[in-house]
């Protein structure tokens, strides 16, 4: 949401009449707008990635009998992944609700 807001601010600045009057200001605002759009697309790529990647856990599971500490790390990772998915579903549930004081507090928490 923050990167979307930054893109909106940069677009609003770009449509400012002062940009037509000052070429140097237009150049700075254009550079800022480009940077904000790149940052937003980068953030969207991060959001759309599968969190966390599954390939390393498959490789580690092959060595679980050889290295018991790896087996414990894999179990902690799986537990953390389950916690993450559970909390992500809670966040989505609160985002769908009406934005009242208690809901915003729980969403922030």
N, C-alpha and C. Protein backbone atom coordinates (compact mmCIF):
# COMPACT_ATOMS: atom_id res chain seq x y z
N UNK A 1 0.83 -1.19 0.00
CA UNK A 1 0.00 0.00 0.00
C UNK A 1 0.87 1.25 0.00
N UNK A 2 2.02 1.14 0.70
CA UNK A 2 2.89 2.31 0.77
C UNK A 2 3.49 2.63 -0.59
N UNK A 3 3.89 1.61 -1.34
CA UNK A 3 4.47 1.88 -2.66
C UNK A 3 3.40 2.39 -3.62
N UNK A 4 2.17 1.91 -3.47
CA UNK A 4 1.07 2.43 -4.30
C UNK A 4 0.83 3.91 -4.00
N UNK A 5 0.92 4.26 -2.73
CA UNK A 5 0.76 5.67 -2.36
C UNK A 5 1.88 6.53 -2.93
N UNK A 6 3.10 6.00 -2.91
CA UNK A 6 4.23 6.74 -3.46
C UNK A 6 4.06 6.96 -4.97
N UNK A 7 3.54 5.95 -5.67
CA UNK A 7 3.28 6.08 -7.10
C UNK A 7 2.20 7.14 -7.34
N UNK A 8 1.17 7.14 -6.51
CA UNK A 8 0.10 8.15 -6.64
C UNK A 8 0.65 9.55 -6.41
N UNK A 9 1.50 9.71 -5.39
CA UNK A 9 2.09 11.03 -5.11
C UNK A 9 2.95 11.48 -6.28
N UNK A 10 3.75 10.57 -6.82
CA UNK A 10 4.62 10.95 -7.94
C UNK A 10 3.80 11.29 -9.18
N UNK A 11 2.71 10.58 -9.41
CA UNK A 11 1.84 10.90 -10.55
C UNK A 11 1.18 12.26 -10.36
N UNK A 12 0.76 12.55 -9.13
CA UNK A 12 0.15 13.85 -8.85
C UNK A 12 1.16 14.98 -9.04
N UNK A 13 2.39 14.75 -8.60
CA UNK A 13 3.43 15.76 -8.81
C UNK A 13 3.69 15.98 -10.30
N UNK A 14 3.65 14.90 -11.05
CA UNK A 14 3.92 14.99 -12.49
C UNK A 14 2.84 15.81 -13.20
N UNK A 15 1.61 15.76 -12.70
CA UNK A 15 0.53 16.52 -13.33
C UNK A 15 0.43 17.95 -12.81
N UNK A 16 1.32 18.32 -11.92
CA UNK A 16 1.34 19.67 -11.36
C UNK A 16 1.70 20.69 -12.45
N UNK A 17 1.02 21.82 -12.51
CA UNK A 17 1.33 22.85 -13.52
C UNK A 17 2.75 23.41 -13.41
N UNK A 18 3.35 23.31 -12.25
CA UNK A 18 4.71 23.79 -12.07
C UNK A 18 5.69 23.02 -12.94
N UNK A 19 5.36 21.77 -13.26
CA UNK A 19 6.23 20.96 -14.13
C UNK A 19 6.31 21.55 -15.53
N UNK A 20 5.23 22.15 -15.98
CA UNK A 20 5.23 22.76 -17.32
C UNK A 20 6.07 24.02 -17.35
N UNK A 21 6.16 24.71 -16.22
CA UNK A 21 6.89 25.97 -16.17
C UNK A 21 8.39 25.77 -15.94
N UNK A 22 8.76 24.77 -15.12
CA UNK A 22 10.15 24.55 -14.76
C UNK A 22 10.66 23.23 -15.33
N UNK A 23 11.49 23.26 -16.36
CA UNK A 23 12.01 22.01 -16.94
C UNK A 23 12.86 21.20 -15.95
N UNK A 24 13.60 21.87 -15.09
CA UNK A 24 14.43 21.14 -14.13
C UNK A 24 13.55 20.40 -13.11
N UNK A 25 12.45 21.03 -12.69
CA UNK A 25 11.52 20.38 -11.78
C UNK A 25 10.85 19.19 -12.46
N UNK A 26 10.49 19.36 -13.73
CA UNK A 26 9.89 18.27 -14.50
C UNK A 26 10.84 17.09 -14.58
N UNK A 27 12.11 17.36 -14.79
CA UNK A 27 13.11 16.30 -14.88
C UNK A 27 13.23 15.54 -13.56
N UNK A 28 13.25 16.27 -12.44
CA UNK A 28 13.34 15.63 -11.13
C UNK A 28 12.10 14.80 -10.82
N UNK A 29 10.94 15.36 -11.12
CA UNK A 29 9.69 14.65 -10.83
C UNK A 29 9.56 13.41 -11.72
N UNK A 30 10.00 13.51 -12.96
CA UNK A 30 9.96 12.36 -13.86
C UNK A 30 10.87 11.25 -13.34
N UNK A 31 12.05 11.61 -12.89
CA UNK A 31 12.97 10.61 -12.32
C UNK A 31 12.36 9.98 -11.06
N UNK A 32 11.73 10.80 -10.23
CA UNK A 32 11.08 10.29 -9.02
C UNK A 32 9.93 9.36 -9.38
N UNK A 33 9.14 9.75 -10.37
CA UNK A 33 8.01 8.92 -10.81
C UNK A 33 8.50 7.57 -11.33
N UNK A 34 9.55 7.59 -12.13
CA UNK A 34 10.11 6.34 -12.66
C UNK A 34 10.61 5.45 -11.52
N UNK A 35 11.30 6.05 -10.55
CA UNK A 35 11.80 5.27 -9.42
C UNK A 35 10.67 4.67 -8.60
N UNK A 36 9.62 5.42 -8.38
CA UNK A 36 8.49 4.92 -7.59
C UNK A 36 7.78 3.78 -8.33
N UNK A 37 7.64 3.90 -9.64
CA UNK A 37 7.00 2.83 -10.42
C UNK A 37 7.85 1.57 -10.40
N UNK A 38 9.18 1.73 -10.49
CA UNK A 38 10.07 0.57 -10.43
C UNK A 38 10.01 -0.08 -9.05
N UNK A 39 9.97 0.74 -8.00
CA UNK A 39 9.87 0.22 -6.65
C UNK A 39 8.56 -0.54 -6.46
N UNK A 40 7.47 -0.01 -7.00
CA UNK A 40 6.18 -0.67 -6.89
C UNK A 40 6.17 -2.01 -7.61
N UNK A 41 6.74 -2.05 -8.81
CA UNK A 41 6.77 -3.33 -9.53
C UNK A 41 7.66 -4.34 -8.82
N UNK A 42 8.76 -3.87 -8.23
CA UNK A 42 9.62 -4.77 -7.45
C UNK A 42 8.87 -5.32 -6.24
N UNK A 43 8.14 -4.47 -5.55
CA UNK A 43 7.36 -4.91 -4.39
C UNK A 43 6.28 -5.90 -4.81
N UNK A 44 5.65 -5.67 -5.95
CA UNK A 44 4.63 -6.61 -6.43
C UNK A 44 5.24 -7.97 -6.76
N UNK A 45 6.45 -7.97 -7.31
CA UNK A 45 7.13 -9.24 -7.58
C UNK A 45 7.41 -9.98 -6.28
N UNK A 46 7.82 -9.25 -5.25
CA UNK A 46 8.09 -9.88 -3.96
C UNK A 46 6.82 -10.46 -3.37
N UNK A 47 5.72 -9.73 -3.49
CA UNK A 47 4.45 -10.20 -2.93
C UNK A 47 3.98 -11.46 -3.66
N UNK A 48 4.18 -11.50 -4.97
CA UNK A 48 3.69 -12.62 -5.77
C UNK A 48 4.60 -13.84 -5.70
N UNK A 49 5.77 -13.70 -5.10
CA UNK A 49 6.66 -14.85 -4.99
C UNK A 49 6.09 -15.86 -4.01
N UNK A 50 6.44 -17.12 -4.21
CA UNK A 50 6.03 -18.17 -3.29
C UNK A 50 6.91 -18.07 -2.06
N UNK A 51 6.32 -17.76 -0.90
CA UNK A 51 7.12 -17.57 0.31
C UNK A 51 7.05 -18.78 1.18
N UNK A 52 8.08 -19.25 1.69
CA UNK A 52 9.47 -19.24 1.21
C UNK A 52 9.67 -20.30 0.15
N UNK A 53 10.75 -20.25 -0.61
CA UNK A 53 10.98 -21.23 -1.67
C UNK A 53 11.03 -22.65 -1.11
N UNK A 54 10.50 -23.59 -1.84
CA UNK A 54 10.38 -24.97 -1.35
C UNK A 54 11.57 -25.86 -1.73
N UNK A 55 12.34 -25.49 -2.69
CA UNK A 55 13.43 -26.35 -3.16
C UNK A 55 14.45 -26.64 -2.06
N UNK A 56 14.94 -25.65 -1.30
CA UNK A 56 15.93 -25.97 -0.27
C UNK A 56 15.41 -26.95 0.77
N UNK A 57 14.13 -26.89 1.10
CA UNK A 57 13.61 -27.82 2.10
C UNK A 57 13.62 -29.25 1.57
N UNK A 58 13.39 -29.43 0.28
CA UNK A 58 13.47 -30.78 -0.30
C UNK A 58 14.88 -31.32 -0.24
N UNK A 59 15.84 -30.45 -0.54
CA UNK A 59 17.24 -30.88 -0.49
C UNK A 59 17.66 -31.20 0.94
N UNK A 60 17.23 -30.38 1.89
CA UNK A 60 17.59 -30.62 3.29
C UNK A 60 16.94 -31.89 3.83
N UNK A 61 15.76 -32.21 3.35
CA UNK A 61 15.08 -33.41 3.86
C UNK A 61 15.82 -34.68 3.48
N UNK A 62 16.58 -34.65 2.38
CA UNK A 62 17.37 -35.82 1.99
C UNK A 62 18.49 -36.11 2.99
N UNK A 63 18.98 -35.06 3.64
CA UNK A 63 20.09 -35.22 4.57
C UNK A 63 19.64 -35.24 6.03
N UNK A 64 18.35 -35.38 6.26
CA UNK A 64 17.85 -35.30 7.63
C UNK A 64 18.37 -36.43 8.51
N UNK A 65 18.59 -37.61 7.93
CA UNK A 65 19.10 -38.73 8.72
C UNK A 65 20.59 -38.54 9.03
N UNK A 66 21.30 -37.90 8.14
CA UNK A 66 22.73 -37.71 8.32
C UNK A 66 23.01 -36.60 9.35
N UNK A 67 22.25 -35.52 9.25
CA UNK A 67 22.44 -34.37 10.14
C UNK A 67 21.15 -34.10 10.90
N UNK A 68 21.05 -34.54 12.14
CA UNK A 68 19.80 -34.33 12.89
C UNK A 68 19.45 -32.86 13.10
N UNK A 69 20.45 -31.99 13.16
CA UNK A 69 20.14 -30.57 13.36
C UNK A 69 19.41 -30.01 12.14
N UNK A 70 19.70 -30.54 10.96
CA UNK A 70 18.97 -30.09 9.77
C UNK A 70 17.51 -30.50 9.84
N UNK A 71 17.26 -31.67 10.37
CA UNK A 71 15.89 -32.14 10.51
C UNK A 71 15.10 -31.20 11.43
N UNK A 72 15.73 -30.77 12.52
CA UNK A 72 15.06 -29.83 13.42
C UNK A 72 14.83 -28.49 12.73
N UNK A 73 15.78 -28.05 11.93
CA UNK A 73 15.62 -26.78 11.21
C UNK A 73 14.47 -26.87 10.21
N UNK A 74 14.35 -28.01 9.54
CA UNK A 74 13.26 -28.20 8.58
C UNK A 74 11.91 -28.18 9.32
N UNK A 75 11.85 -28.80 10.47
CA UNK A 75 10.61 -28.79 11.25
C UNK A 75 10.24 -27.38 11.70
N UNK A 76 11.24 -26.62 12.16
CA UNK A 76 10.98 -25.23 12.56
C UNK A 76 10.51 -24.40 11.37
N UNK A 77 11.11 -24.64 10.22
CA UNK A 77 10.72 -23.92 9.01
C UNK A 77 9.28 -24.22 8.64
N UNK A 78 8.91 -25.49 8.68
CA UNK A 78 7.54 -25.88 8.36
C UNK A 78 6.54 -25.27 9.35
N UNK A 79 6.92 -25.25 10.62
CA UNK A 79 6.05 -24.64 11.63
C UNK A 79 5.89 -23.14 11.38
N UNK A 80 7.00 -22.49 11.04
CA UNK A 80 6.96 -21.06 10.75
C UNK A 80 6.11 -20.79 9.52
N UNK A 81 6.21 -21.65 8.51
CA UNK A 81 5.41 -21.49 7.30
C UNK A 81 3.93 -21.63 7.62
N UNK A 82 3.57 -22.58 8.47
CA UNK A 82 2.17 -22.74 8.87
C UNK A 82 1.68 -21.51 9.64
N UNK A 83 2.53 -21.00 10.54
CA UNK A 83 2.17 -19.79 11.28
C UNK A 83 1.97 -18.62 10.34
N UNK A 84 2.86 -18.49 9.37
CA UNK A 84 2.76 -17.40 8.40
C UNK A 84 1.45 -17.48 7.62
N UNK A 85 1.10 -18.65 7.15
CA UNK A 85 -0.14 -18.81 6.38
C UNK A 85 -1.36 -18.52 7.25
N UNK A 86 -1.31 -18.95 8.50
CA UNK A 86 -2.43 -18.71 9.42
C UNK A 86 -2.59 -17.20 9.66
N UNK A 87 -1.49 -16.52 9.92
CA UNK A 87 -1.55 -15.09 10.17
C UNK A 87 -1.92 -14.31 8.92
N UNK A 88 -1.46 -14.77 7.76
CA UNK A 88 -1.82 -14.11 6.50
C UNK A 88 -3.32 -14.20 6.26
N UNK A 89 -3.91 -15.34 6.57
CA UNK A 89 -5.37 -15.46 6.39
C UNK A 89 -6.11 -14.55 7.37
N UNK A 90 -5.58 -14.39 8.60
CA UNK A 90 -6.19 -13.46 9.55
C UNK A 90 -6.14 -12.03 9.03
N UNK A 91 -4.98 -11.65 8.48
CA UNK A 91 -4.82 -10.30 7.94
C UNK A 91 -5.82 -10.07 6.82
N UNK A 92 -5.94 -11.04 5.92
CA UNK A 92 -6.88 -10.90 4.81
C UNK A 92 -8.31 -10.77 5.33
N UNK A 93 -8.64 -11.51 6.39
CA UNK A 93 -9.98 -11.45 6.97
C UNK A 93 -10.25 -10.05 7.54
N UNK A 94 -9.27 -9.50 8.25
CA UNK A 94 -9.45 -8.16 8.83
C UNK A 94 -9.46 -7.07 7.76
N UNK A 95 -8.74 -7.28 6.66
CA UNK A 95 -8.75 -6.28 5.59
C UNK A 95 -10.10 -6.23 4.89
N UNK A 96 -10.83 -7.34 4.88
CA UNK A 96 -12.14 -7.38 4.25
C UNK A 96 -13.22 -6.74 5.12
N UNK A 97 -12.98 -6.68 6.43
CA UNK A 97 -13.98 -6.12 7.34
C UNK A 97 -14.00 -4.60 7.24
N UNK A 98 -15.06 -4.03 7.82
CA UNK A 98 -15.20 -2.58 7.86
C UNK A 98 -14.09 -2.00 8.74
N UNK A 99 -13.53 -0.87 8.33
CA UNK A 99 -12.40 -0.28 9.04
C UNK A 99 -12.88 0.53 10.25
N UNK A 100 -12.97 -0.18 11.38
CA UNK A 100 -13.32 0.48 12.64
C UNK A 100 -12.09 0.44 13.55
N UNK A 101 -12.19 1.08 14.69
CA UNK A 101 -11.07 1.16 15.62
C UNK A 101 -10.54 -0.20 16.03
N UNK A 102 -11.38 -1.10 16.57
CA UNK A 102 -10.88 -2.40 17.01
C UNK A 102 -10.31 -3.24 15.85
N UNK A 103 -10.94 -3.15 14.70
CA UNK A 103 -10.46 -3.93 13.54
C UNK A 103 -9.09 -3.41 13.11
N UNK A 104 -8.93 -2.09 13.08
CA UNK A 104 -7.63 -1.51 12.70
C UNK A 104 -6.56 -1.88 13.71
N UNK A 105 -6.92 -1.91 14.99
CA UNK A 105 -5.94 -2.28 16.02
C UNK A 105 -5.49 -3.73 15.83
N UNK A 106 -6.46 -4.62 15.59
CA UNK A 106 -6.11 -6.03 15.37
C UNK A 106 -5.33 -6.21 14.10
N UNK A 107 -5.66 -5.45 13.06
CA UNK A 107 -4.92 -5.54 11.81
C UNK A 107 -3.49 -5.08 11.99
N UNK A 108 -3.30 -4.00 12.72
CA UNK A 108 -1.94 -3.51 13.00
C UNK A 108 -1.16 -4.53 13.81
N UNK A 109 -1.83 -5.15 14.77
CA UNK A 109 -1.18 -6.13 15.63
C UNK A 109 -0.78 -7.34 14.82
